[in-house]
């Protein structure tokens, strides 16, 4: 019987996903594609030990973690990037809803476009 830690199981799954993605990118571009880094997007209630365990799993999968973002932060960044293109100077307040299977998290995000 072989026992694996949670980090090892996650790393095996991520390593497989990484290989599939690299193959797809190589096929699509015709160039040898290597994925070496990632940004993790986690629920807001993820604890520091859980984040560290996910970071360790990514390391075991051969990935360099560039950052760990809460889902609402990632959504806010995406919204801000979309709105920034051609934006005039103004301030905007947006309610971000992270609707999960058993919870709803709400954040109010302010954007100041210059």
C-alpha atoms as a PDB file:
ATOM      1  CA  UNK A   1       0.000   0.000   0.000  1.00  0.00           C
ATOM      2  CA  UNK A   2       1.357   3.389  -1.013  1.00  0.00           C
ATOM      3  CA  UNK A   3       0.222   6.407   0.960  1.00  0.00           C
ATOM      4  CA  UNK A   4       0.373   9.881  -0.551  1.00  0.00           C
ATOM      5  CA  UNK A   5       0.050  13.224   1.156  1.00  0.00           C
ATOM      6  CA  UNK A   6      -2.572  15.684  -0.013  1.00  0.00           C
ATOM      7  CA  UNK A   7       0.198  17.781  -1.597  1.00  0.00           C
ATOM      8  CA  UNK A   8       1.484  14.776  -3.544  1.00  0.00           C
ATOM      9  CA  UNK A   9      -1.978  13.867  -4.854  1.00  0.00           C
ATOM     10  CA  UNK A  10      -2.657  17.439  -5.953  1.00  0.00           C
ATOM     11  CA  UNK A  11       0.779  17.659  -7.575  1.00  0.00           C
ATOM     12  CA  UNK A  12       0.119  14.488  -9.593  1.00  0.00           C
ATOM     13  CA  UNK A  13      -3.163  15.924 -10.873  1.00  0.00           C
ATOM     14  CA  UNK A  14      -1.618  19.325 -11.654  1.00  0.00           C
ATOM     15  CA  UNK A  15       1.393  17.712 -13.358  1.00  0.00           C
ATOM     16  CA  UNK A  16      -1.010  15.819 -15.639  1.00  0.00           C
ATOM     17  CA  UNK A  17      -3.005  18.977 -16.420  1.00  0.00           C
ATOM     18  CA  UNK A  18       0.251  20.838 -17.096  1.00  0.00           C
ATOM     19  CA  UNK A  19       1.424  18.174 -19.563  1.00  0.00           C
ATOM     20  CA  UNK A  20      -1.926  18.273 -21.389  1.00  0.00           C
ATOM     21  CA  UNK A  21      -1.829  22.078 -21.569  1.00  0.00           C
ATOM     22  CA  UNK A  22       1.758  22.076 -22.845  1.00  0.00           C
ATOM     23  CA  UNK A  23       0.809  19.567 -25.529  1.00  0.00           C
ATOM     24  CA  UNK A  24      -2.197  21.694 -26.578  1.00  0.00           C
ATOM     25  CA  UNK A  25      -0.050  24.843 -26.717  1.00  0.00           C
ATOM     26  CA  UNK A  26       2.647  23.062 -28.709  1.00  0.00           C
ATOM     27  CA  UNK A  27       0.055  21.781 -31.195  1.00  0.00           C
ATOM     28  CA  UNK A  28      -1.622  25.200 -31.472  1.00  0.00           C
ATOM     29  CA  UNK A  29       1.576  27.235 -31.912  1.00  0.00           C
ATOM     30  CA  UNK A  30       3.882  24.748 -33.589  1.00  0.00           C
ATOM     31  CA  UNK A  31       6.541  25.626 -31.017  1.00  0.00           C
ATOM     32  CA  UNK A  32       7.696  23.645 -28.001  1.00  0.00           C
ATOM     33  CA  UNK A  33       5.614  25.074 -25.136  1.00  0.00           C
ATOM     34  CA  UNK A  34       6.777  24.946 -21.522  1.00  0.00           C
ATOM     35  CA  UNK A  35       4.596  26.013 -18.611  1.00  0.00           C
ATOM     36  CA  UNK A  36       6.818  26.906 -15.671  1.00  0.00           C
ATOM     37  CA  UNK A  37       4.687  29.172 -13.482  1.00  0.00           C
ATOM     38  CA  UNK A  38       1.167  29.640 -12.219  1.00  0.00           C
ATOM     39  CA  UNK A  39      -1.093  31.957 -10.256  1.00  0.00           C
ATOM     40  CA  UNK A  40      -3.339  30.208  -7.744  1.00  0.00           C
ATOM     41  CA  UNK A  41      -6.897  31.447  -7.289  1.00  0.00           C
ATOM     42  CA  UNK A  42      -8.412  30.300  -3.993  1.00  0.00           C
ATOM     43  CA  UNK A  43     -11.563  30.948  -1.950  1.00  0.00           C
ATOM     44  CA  UNK A  44     -11.274  33.873   0.466  1.00  0.00           C
ATOM     45  CA  UNK A  45     -11.520  31.594   3.507  1.00  0.00           C
ATOM     46  CA  UNK A  46      -8.387  29.606   2.529  1.00  0.00           C
ATOM     47  CA  UNK A  47      -6.055  29.536   5.539  1.00  0.00           C
ATOM     48  CA  UNK A  48      -2.310  30.204   5.489  1.00  0.00           C
ATOM     49  CA  UNK A  49      -1.468  26.509   6.070  1.00  0.00           C
ATOM     50  CA  UNK A  50      -3.793  25.552   3.189  1.00  0.00           C
ATOM     51  CA  UNK A  51      -2.124  28.132   0.947  1.00  0.00           C
ATOM     52  CA  UNK A  52       1.305  26.782   1.927  1.00  0.00           C
ATOM     53  CA  UNK A  53       0.173  23.222   1.151  1.00  0.00           C
ATOM     54  CA  UNK A  54      -1.092  24.318  -2.281  1.00  0.00           C
ATOM     55  CA  UNK A  55       2.193  26.119  -2.913  1.00  0.00           C
ATOM     56  CA  UNK A  56       4.094  22.961  -1.985  1.00  0.00           C
ATOM     57  CA  UNK A  57       1.899  20.904  -4.325  1.00  0.00           C
ATOM     58  CA  UNK A  58       2.637  23.299  -7.204  1.00  0.00           C
ATOM     59  CA  UNK A  59       6.368  23.070  -6.417  1.00  0.00           C
ATOM     60  CA  UNK A  60       6.158  19.259  -6.508  1.00  0.00           C
ATOM     61  CA  UNK A  61       4.396  19.559  -9.887  1.00  0.00           C
ATOM     62  CA  UNK A  62       7.319  21.643 -11.189  1.00  0.00           C
ATOM     63  CA  UNK A  63       5.544  24.986 -11.158  1.00  0.00           C
ATOM     64  CA  UNK A  64       6.748  28.286  -9.733  1.00  0.00           C
ATOM     65  CA  UNK A  65       3.864  30.018  -7.898  1.00  0.00           C
ATOM     66  CA  UNK A  66       3.833  33.654  -9.033  1.00  0.00           C
ATOM     67  CA  UNK A  67       1.041  34.615  -6.667  1.00  0.00           C
ATOM     68  CA  UNK A  68      -2.004  33.482  -4.728  1.00  0.00           C
ATOM     69  CA  UNK A  69      -5.192  35.493  -5.183  1.00  0.00           C
ATOM     70  CA  UNK A  70      -8.620  35.257  -3.634  1.00  0.00           C
ATOM     71  CA  UNK A  71     -11.303  34.570  -6.219  1.00  0.00           C
ATOM     72  CA  UNK A  72     -12.900  37.973  -5.660  1.00  0.00           C
ATOM     73  CA  UNK A  73      -9.526  39.681  -6.136  1.00  0.00           C
ATOM     74  CA  UNK A  74      -8.973  37.807  -9.391  1.00  0.00           C
ATOM     75  CA  UNK A  75     -12.455  38.756 -10.595  1.00  0.00           C
ATOM     76  CA  UNK A  76     -11.869  42.389  -9.647  1.00  0.00           C
ATOM     77  CA  UNK A  77      -8.559  42.464 -11.517  1.00  0.00           C
ATOM     78  CA  UNK A  78     -10.197  41.007 -14.616  1.00  0.00           C
ATOM     79  CA  UNK A  79     -12.994  43.560 -14.443  1.00  0.00           C
ATOM     80  CA  UNK A  80     -10.506  46.393 -13.927  1.00  0.00           C
ATOM     81  CA  UNK A  81      -8.404  45.309 -16.904  1.00  0.00           C
ATOM     82  CA  UNK A  82     -11.480  45.160 -19.133  1.00  0.00           C
ATOM     83  CA  UNK A  83     -12.691  48.585 -18.007  1.00  0.00           C
ATOM     84  CA  UNK A  84      -9.263  50.206 -18.256  1.00  0.00           C
ATOM     85  CA  UNK A  85      -9.061  49.928 -22.029  1.00  0.00           C
ATOM     86  CA  UNK A  86     -10.092  53.339 -23.343  1.00  0.00           C
ATOM     87  CA  UNK A  87     -11.394  54.490 -19.966  1.00  0.00           C
ATOM     88  CA  UNK A  88     -11.677  58.164 -19.133  1.00  0.00           C
ATOM     89  CA  UNK A  89     -10.637  59.431 -15.712  1.00  0.00           C
ATOM     90  CA  UNK A  90     -13.313  58.330 -13.263  1.00  0.00           C
ATOM     91  CA  UNK A  91     -13.964  56.349 -10.111  1.00  0.00           C
ATOM     92  CA  UNK A  92     -16.166  53.297 -10.021  1.00  0.00           C
ATOM     93  CA  UNK A  93     -17.444  51.083  -7.188  1.00  0.00           C
ATOM     94  CA  UNK A  94     -18.288  47.486  -8.036  1.00  0.00           C
ATOM     95  CA  UNK A  95     -19.859  44.778  -5.913  1.00  0.00           C
ATOM     96  CA  UNK A  96     -18.070  41.455  -6.496  1.00  0.00           C
ATOM     97  CA  UNK A  97     -20.064  38.329  -5.649  1.00  0.00           C
ATOM     98  CA  UNK A  98     -18.295  35.006  -5.208  1.00  0.00           C
ATOM     99  CA  UNK A  99     -21.095  32.461  -5.250  1.00  0.00           C
ATOM    100  CA  UNK A 100     -19.974  29.018  -4.139  1.00  0.00           C
ATOM    101  CA  UNK A 101     -21.781  25.779  -3.467  1.00  0.00           C
ATOM    102  CA  UNK A 102     -22.415  26.616   0.180  1.00  0.00           C
ATOM    103  CA  UNK A 103     -21.495  30.272   0.606  1.00  0.00           C
ATOM    104  CA  UNK A 104     -21.683  33.731  -0.909  1.00  0.00           C
ATOM    105  CA  UNK A 105     -18.820  36.162  -0.350  1.00  0.00           C
ATOM    106  CA  UNK A 106     -19.287  39.848  -1.130  1.00  0.00           C
ATOM    107  CA  UNK A 107     -16.581  42.453  -1.690  1.00  0.00           C
ATOM    108  CA  UNK A 108     -16.914  46.086  -2.661  1.00  0.00           C
ATOM    109  CA  UNK A 109     -14.060  47.142  -4.921  1.00  0.00           C
ATOM    110  CA  UNK A 110     -13.235  50.718  -5.930  1.00  0.00           C
ATOM    111  CA  UNK A 111     -11.451  51.472  -9.193  1.00  0.00           C
ATOM    112  CA  UNK A 112      -9.887  54.827  -9.993  1.00  0.00           C
ATOM    113  CA  UNK A 113      -9.101  55.120 -13.685  1.00  0.00           C
ATOM    114  CA  UNK A 114      -6.648  57.791 -14.796  1.00  0.00           C
END
